[in-house]
Amino acid sequence: MPRGDKDKYTDKQKRKAEHIEESYEERGVSKDEAERRAWATVNAAHGGGEKPGGGGYGKPENKAPYRKGGKKGGKASKGAAKKAASKKGGGKKAVSKKAASKKGAGKRGASKKGGSRKR
C-alpha cells in the first residue's frame, strides 16, 4: 500500500477530514496545508485508519485534538477564563509551590527542635 493511501479509513473519518480541511481553507490556509492538517488531526484522534488492518482499529477516539483547534481567542482561550476570575477578586492569591514548601519546612523544623527533650 503506497504512502498516503486512505483505504483503511472509514467513511466517517474521511468526512471528518473533509470538514476540517474546509474549515482551514475558509481561514486562508492553502489547499495542500489544509489537507495535511486535516489528516493529521484525524490521525491524532483515531490513531490511523479504523478498518481492520489500520493502526487505530478497535481503539476509542481521542477528542482532545478537536478541542485544541478552532478559534482560540476570546472566551475559548484559557487565558480569558483566568482574566475573568482575577477581575472578580475576593479570593486568596495563590502561593507558589516554593513559598509553600519553605513555610512547611520551617514549621516542621521548628517542631523537631522545640519542645521538651528527655536528657
N, C-alpha and C. Protein backbone atom coordinates (compact mmCIF):
# COMPACT_ATOMS: atom_id res chain seq x y z
N MET A 1 0.85 -1.17 0.00
CA MET A 1 0.00 0.00 0.00
C MET A 1 0.90 1.24 0.00
N PRO A 2 0.70 2.16 -0.94
CA PRO A 2 1.54 3.36 -1.01
C PRO A 2 1.27 4.32 0.14
N ARG A 3 2.28 5.13 0.44
CA ARG A 3 2.12 6.14 1.49
C ARG A 3 1.00 7.09 1.11
N GLY A 4 0.19 7.46 2.09
CA GLY A 4 -0.89 8.41 1.83
C GLY A 4 -2.17 7.75 1.37
N ASP A 5 -2.18 6.41 1.24
CA ASP A 5 -3.38 5.70 0.81
C ASP A 5 -4.41 5.73 1.94
N LYS A 6 -5.64 6.07 1.61
CA LYS A 6 -6.69 6.25 2.62
C LYS A 6 -7.67 5.07 2.65
N ASP A 7 -7.30 3.91 2.14
CA ASP A 7 -8.20 2.77 2.09
C ASP A 7 -8.63 2.27 3.46
N LYS A 8 -7.78 2.39 4.45
CA LYS A 8 -8.07 1.86 5.78
C LYS A 8 -8.90 2.81 6.64
N TYR A 9 -9.22 3.98 6.12
CA TYR A 9 -10.03 4.95 6.85
C TYR A 9 -11.50 4.69 6.59
N THR A 10 -12.32 4.88 7.62
CA THR A 10 -13.77 4.71 7.46
C THR A 10 -14.34 5.93 6.74
N ASP A 11 -15.58 5.79 6.27
CA ASP A 11 -16.23 6.93 5.61
C ASP A 11 -16.38 8.10 6.57
N LYS A 12 -16.64 7.80 7.84
CA LYS A 12 -16.80 8.84 8.85
C LYS A 12 -15.48 9.61 9.01
N GLN A 13 -14.36 8.90 9.04
CA GLN A 13 -13.06 9.55 9.17
C GLN A 13 -12.78 10.45 7.97
N LYS A 14 -13.15 9.97 6.79
CA LYS A 14 -12.94 10.75 5.57
C LYS A 14 -13.79 12.02 5.58
N ARG A 15 -15.03 11.90 6.07
CA ARG A 15 -15.91 13.08 6.16
C ARG A 15 -15.34 14.09 7.15
N LYS A 16 -14.86 13.59 8.30
CA LYS A 16 -14.28 14.49 9.30
C LYS A 16 -13.10 15.25 8.72
N ALA A 17 -12.22 14.54 8.01
CA ALA A 17 -11.05 15.18 7.41
C ALA A 17 -11.48 16.24 6.40
N GLU A 18 -12.52 15.95 5.64
CA GLU A 18 -13.02 16.89 4.63
C GLU A 18 -13.55 18.17 5.30
N HIS A 19 -14.30 18.01 6.39
CA HIS A 19 -14.85 19.17 7.10
C HIS A 19 -13.74 20.00 7.73
N ILE A 20 -12.76 19.33 8.30
CA ILE A 20 -11.63 20.05 8.92
C ILE A 20 -10.85 20.81 7.85
N GLU A 21 -10.64 20.16 6.72
CA GLU A 21 -9.93 20.79 5.60
C GLU A 21 -10.67 22.04 5.11
N GLU A 22 -11.98 21.94 4.96
CA GLU A 22 -12.79 23.09 4.52
C GLU A 22 -12.67 24.24 5.51
N SER A 23 -12.66 23.91 6.79
CA SER A 23 -12.56 24.93 7.83
C SER A 23 -11.23 25.68 7.73
N TYR A 24 -10.16 24.93 7.52
CA TYR A 24 -8.84 25.57 7.38
C TYR A 24 -8.80 26.46 6.14
N GLU A 25 -9.38 25.99 5.04
CA GLU A 25 -9.37 26.77 3.80
C GLU A 25 -10.16 28.07 3.97
N GLU A 26 -11.25 28.02 4.73
CA GLU A 26 -12.03 29.24 4.99
C GLU A 26 -11.21 30.27 5.76
N ARG A 27 -10.26 29.78 6.56
CA ARG A 27 -9.41 30.68 7.34
C ARG A 27 -8.14 31.09 6.60
N GLY A 28 -8.06 30.73 5.31
CA GLY A 28 -6.96 31.22 4.49
C GLY A 28 -5.74 30.32 4.38
N VAL A 29 -5.85 29.07 4.82
CA VAL A 29 -4.73 28.13 4.71
C VAL A 29 -4.77 27.52 3.31
N SER A 30 -3.60 27.27 2.72
CA SER A 30 -3.55 26.71 1.36
C SER A 30 -4.18 25.32 1.32
N LYS A 31 -4.59 24.88 0.14
CA LYS A 31 -5.27 23.59 -0.05
C LYS A 31 -4.42 22.43 0.47
N ASP A 32 -3.14 22.40 0.07
CA ASP A 32 -2.26 21.29 0.49
C ASP A 32 -2.04 21.28 2.00
N GLU A 33 -1.80 22.45 2.57
CA GLU A 33 -1.56 22.55 4.00
C GLU A 33 -2.83 22.20 4.78
N ALA A 34 -3.98 22.62 4.29
CA ALA A 34 -5.25 22.31 4.94
C ALA A 34 -5.50 20.80 4.95
N GLU A 35 -5.21 20.15 3.83
CA GLU A 35 -5.39 18.70 3.74
C GLU A 35 -4.43 17.98 4.69
N ARG A 36 -3.19 18.43 4.76
CA ARG A 36 -2.19 17.83 5.64
C ARG A 36 -2.63 17.95 7.10
N ARG A 37 -3.07 19.15 7.49
CA ARG A 37 -3.50 19.38 8.87
C ARG A 37 -4.76 18.56 9.21
N ALA A 38 -5.67 18.47 8.26
CA ALA A 38 -6.91 17.74 8.49
C ALA A 38 -6.63 16.27 8.78
N TRP A 39 -5.78 15.64 7.95
CA TRP A 39 -5.48 14.23 8.17
C TRP A 39 -4.63 14.03 9.42
N ALA A 40 -3.80 15.01 9.76
CA ALA A 40 -3.03 14.92 11.00
C ALA A 40 -3.96 14.94 12.20
N THR A 41 -5.01 15.75 12.14
CA THR A 41 -5.99 15.83 13.22
C THR A 41 -6.77 14.53 13.35
N VAL A 42 -7.20 13.99 12.22
CA VAL A 42 -7.94 12.71 12.23
C VAL A 42 -7.05 11.60 12.77
N ASN A 43 -5.79 11.57 12.36
CA ASN A 43 -4.86 10.55 12.85
C ASN A 43 -4.62 10.69 14.34
N ALA A 44 -4.51 11.93 14.82
CA ALA A 44 -4.29 12.16 16.24
C ALA A 44 -5.50 11.68 17.05
N ALA A 45 -6.69 11.86 16.51
CA ALA A 45 -7.90 11.48 17.22
C ALA A 45 -8.16 9.98 17.16
N HIS A 46 -7.89 9.37 16.04
CA HIS A 46 -8.26 7.98 15.83
C HIS A 46 -7.07 7.02 15.85
N GLY A 47 -5.87 7.52 15.73
CA GLY A 47 -4.70 6.64 15.69
C GLY A 47 -4.56 5.91 14.38
N GLY A 48 -5.03 6.50 13.30
CA GLY A 48 -4.93 5.88 11.98
C GLY A 48 -6.28 5.38 11.50
N GLY A 49 -6.24 4.60 10.42
CA GLY A 49 -7.47 4.08 9.85
C GLY A 49 -8.11 3.06 10.78
N GLU A 50 -9.44 3.04 10.83
CA GLU A 50 -10.13 2.16 11.77
C GLU A 50 -10.70 0.90 11.13
N LYS A 51 -10.49 0.73 9.85
CA LYS A 51 -10.91 -0.53 9.24
C LYS A 51 -9.89 -1.59 9.65
N PRO A 52 -10.27 -2.86 9.65
CA PRO A 52 -9.33 -3.91 10.06
C PRO A 52 -8.00 -3.80 9.32
N GLY A 53 -6.93 -3.83 10.07
CA GLY A 53 -5.59 -3.69 9.49
C GLY A 53 -5.04 -2.29 9.65
N GLY A 54 -5.89 -1.34 10.03
CA GLY A 54 -5.43 0.02 10.26
C GLY A 54 -4.87 0.17 11.66
N GLY A 55 -4.02 1.16 11.87
CA GLY A 55 -3.36 1.33 13.17
C GLY A 55 -4.30 1.64 14.31
N GLY A 56 -5.43 2.28 14.04
CA GLY A 56 -6.33 2.68 15.11
C GLY A 56 -7.49 1.73 15.31
N TYR A 57 -7.43 0.56 14.70
CA TYR A 57 -8.55 -0.38 14.75
C TYR A 57 -8.83 -0.85 16.17
N GLY A 58 -10.08 -0.65 16.61
CA GLY A 58 -10.50 -1.14 17.91
C GLY A 58 -10.15 -0.26 19.08
N LYS A 59 -9.66 0.93 18.84
CA LYS A 59 -9.30 1.84 19.93
C LYS A 59 -10.34 2.96 20.03
N PRO A 60 -10.56 3.49 21.24
CA PRO A 60 -11.52 4.60 21.36
C PRO A 60 -10.97 5.90 20.78
N GLU A 61 -11.87 6.77 20.40
CA GLU A 61 -11.48 8.06 19.80
C GLU A 61 -11.02 9.03 20.88
N ASN A 62 -9.92 9.72 20.60
CA ASN A 62 -9.39 10.75 21.49
C ASN A 62 -9.87 12.10 20.97
N LYS A 63 -10.73 12.79 21.71
CA LYS A 63 -11.33 14.03 21.21
C LYS A 63 -10.49 15.27 21.47
N ALA A 64 -9.39 15.14 22.17
CA ALA A 64 -8.56 16.30 22.51
C ALA A 64 -8.10 17.09 21.28
N PRO A 65 -7.67 16.45 20.18
CA PRO A 65 -7.23 17.25 19.02
C PRO A 65 -8.33 18.13 18.44
N TYR A 66 -9.59 17.70 18.55
CA TYR A 66 -10.68 18.52 18.03
C TYR A 66 -10.91 19.74 18.91
N ARG A 67 -10.74 19.58 20.20
CA ARG A 67 -10.95 20.70 21.13
C ARG A 67 -9.85 21.74 21.01
N LYS A 68 -8.67 21.28 20.67
CA LYS A 68 -7.50 22.16 20.63
C LYS A 68 -7.61 23.21 19.53
N GLY A 69 -8.16 22.85 18.40
CA GLY A 69 -8.18 23.74 17.24
C GLY A 69 -9.30 24.76 17.28
N GLY A 70 -9.55 25.38 16.15
CA GLY A 70 -10.62 26.35 16.05
C GLY A 70 -10.18 27.73 16.47
N LYS A 71 -11.12 28.60 16.71
CA LYS A 71 -10.81 29.96 17.11
C LYS A 71 -10.39 29.95 18.57
N LYS A 72 -9.14 30.25 18.82
CA LYS A 72 -8.60 30.17 20.18
C LYS A 72 -8.81 31.44 20.98
N GLY A 73 -9.18 32.52 20.33
CA GLY A 73 -9.31 33.79 21.03
C GLY A 73 -10.60 33.90 21.81
N GLY A 74 -10.74 34.98 22.56
CA GLY A 74 -11.96 35.27 23.29
C GLY A 74 -12.24 34.29 24.40
N LYS A 75 -13.49 33.88 24.53
CA LYS A 75 -13.90 33.00 25.62
C LYS A 75 -13.31 31.60 25.48
N ALA A 76 -12.90 31.23 24.27
CA ALA A 76 -12.38 29.88 24.06
C ALA A 76 -11.00 29.69 24.66
N SER A 77 -10.26 30.79 24.86
CA SER A 77 -8.89 30.64 25.35
C SER A 77 -8.86 30.46 26.86
N LYS A 78 -7.83 29.78 27.33
CA LYS A 78 -7.67 29.54 28.77
C LYS A 78 -7.37 30.85 29.49
N GLY A 79 -6.63 31.73 28.85
CA GLY A 79 -6.25 33.00 29.47
C GLY A 79 -7.45 33.87 29.78
N ALA A 80 -8.47 33.82 28.93
CA ALA A 80 -9.66 34.64 29.15
C ALA A 80 -10.38 34.22 30.43
N ALA A 81 -10.43 32.94 30.68
CA ALA A 81 -11.09 32.45 31.90
C ALA A 81 -10.32 32.90 33.14
N LYS A 82 -9.00 32.86 33.05
CA LYS A 82 -8.17 33.28 34.19
C LYS A 82 -8.34 34.78 34.44
N LYS A 83 -8.38 35.57 33.36
CA LYS A 83 -8.55 37.02 33.50
C LYS A 83 -9.89 37.34 34.13
N ALA A 84 -10.94 36.66 33.70
CA ALA A 84 -12.28 36.91 34.24
C ALA A 84 -12.32 36.58 35.73
N ALA A 85 -11.68 35.51 36.11
CA ALA A 85 -11.66 35.11 37.52
C ALA A 85 -10.87 36.11 38.36
N SER A 86 -9.77 36.63 37.80
CA SER A 86 -8.95 37.56 38.56
C SER A 86 -9.64 38.92 38.71
N LYS A 87 -10.48 39.30 37.77
CA LYS A 87 -11.20 40.58 37.86
C LYS A 87 -12.23 40.55 38.97
N LYS A 88 -12.82 39.39 39.21
CA LYS A 88 -13.82 39.26 40.26
C LYS A 88 -13.19 39.48 41.63
N GLY A 89 -11.97 38.99 41.80
CA GLY A 89 -11.26 39.18 43.06
C GLY A 89 -11.93 38.44 44.20
N GLY A 90 -11.62 38.86 45.42
CA GLY A 90 -12.26 38.28 46.57
C GLY A 90 -11.59 37.01 47.05
N GLY A 91 -10.86 36.34 46.20
CA GLY A 91 -10.21 35.10 46.59
C GLY A 91 -8.79 35.34 47.02
N LYS A 92 -8.22 34.35 47.68
CA LYS A 92 -6.82 34.46 48.09
C LYS A 92 -5.93 34.32 46.88
N LYS A 93 -4.80 34.97 46.93
CA LYS A 93 -3.84 34.82 45.85
C LYS A 93 -3.13 33.50 46.04
N ALA A 94 -2.82 32.85 44.94
CA ALA A 94 -2.16 31.55 45.01
C ALA A 94 -0.72 31.73 45.48
N VAL A 95 -0.29 30.87 46.37
CA VAL A 95 1.08 30.89 46.87
C VAL A 95 1.86 29.91 46.03
N SER A 96 3.04 30.32 45.60
CA SER A 96 3.83 29.43 44.76
C SER A 96 4.23 28.20 45.56
N LYS A 97 4.55 27.12 44.84
CA LYS A 97 4.93 25.87 45.48
C LYS A 97 6.18 26.04 46.33
N LYS A 98 7.13 26.83 45.82
CA LYS A 98 8.37 27.05 46.56
C LYS A 98 8.09 27.73 47.89
N ALA A 99 7.26 28.78 47.85
CA ALA A 99 6.95 29.52 49.07
C ALA A 99 6.20 28.62 50.05
N ALA A 100 5.29 27.82 49.55
CA ALA A 100 4.52 26.92 50.41
C ALA A 100 5.44 25.87 51.04
N SER A 101 6.39 25.35 50.24
CA SER A 101 7.27 24.31 50.78
C SER A 101 8.23 24.90 51.81
N LYS A 102 8.65 26.15 51.63
CA LYS A 102 9.54 26.79 52.60
C LYS A 102 8.82 27.01 53.92
N LYS A 103 7.56 27.43 53.83
CA LYS A 103 6.78 27.66 55.04
C LYS A 103 6.60 26.34 55.80
N GLY A 104 6.27 25.30 55.08
CA GLY A 104 6.06 24.00 55.70
C GLY A 104 7.33 23.46 56.31
N ALA A 105 8.46 23.68 55.62
CA ALA A 105 9.74 23.18 56.12
C ALA A 105 10.11 23.89 57.41
N GLY A 106 9.83 25.18 57.48
CA GLY A 106 10.14 25.96 58.69
C GLY A 106 9.33 25.46 59.87
N LYS A 107 8.08 25.16 59.66
CA LYS A 107 7.21 24.68 60.74
C LYS A 107 7.66 23.30 61.21
N ARG A 108 7.98 22.44 60.24
CA ARG A 108 8.41 21.09 60.60
C ARG A 108 9.72 21.13 61.37
N GLY A 109 10.64 21.99 60.93
CA GLY A 109 11.93 22.10 61.59
C GLY A 109 11.78 22.63 63.01
N ALA A 110 10.89 23.57 63.18
CA ALA A 110 10.67 24.18 64.50
C ALA A 110 10.08 23.16 65.46
N SER A 111 9.20 22.33 64.96
CA SER A 111 8.57 21.35 65.85
C SER A 111 9.56 20.28 66.28
N LYS A 112 10.53 19.98 65.45
CA LYS A 112 11.54 18.99 65.82
C LYS A 112 12.50 19.56 66.83
N LYS A 113 12.88 20.81 66.64
CA LYS A 113 13.87 21.45 67.53
C LYS A 113 13.26 21.81 68.88
N GLY A 114 12.05 22.36 68.84
CA GLY A 114 11.42 22.85 70.07
C GLY A 114 10.84 21.72 70.89
N GLY A 115 10.21 22.10 72.01
CA GLY A 115 9.56 21.11 72.84
C GLY A 115 10.51 20.60 73.92
N SER A 116 9.98 19.81 74.80
CA SER A 116 10.84 19.31 75.89
C SER A 116 11.51 18.01 75.47
N ARG A 117 12.78 17.93 75.78
CA ARG A 117 13.54 16.72 75.47
C ARG A 117 13.90 16.01 76.76
N LYS A 118 13.96 14.72 76.68
CA LYS A 118 14.42 13.96 77.84
C LYS A 118 15.93 13.87 77.78
N ARG A 119 16.57 14.13 78.91
CA ARG A 119 18.04 14.10 78.92
C ARG A 119 18.55 12.99 79.77
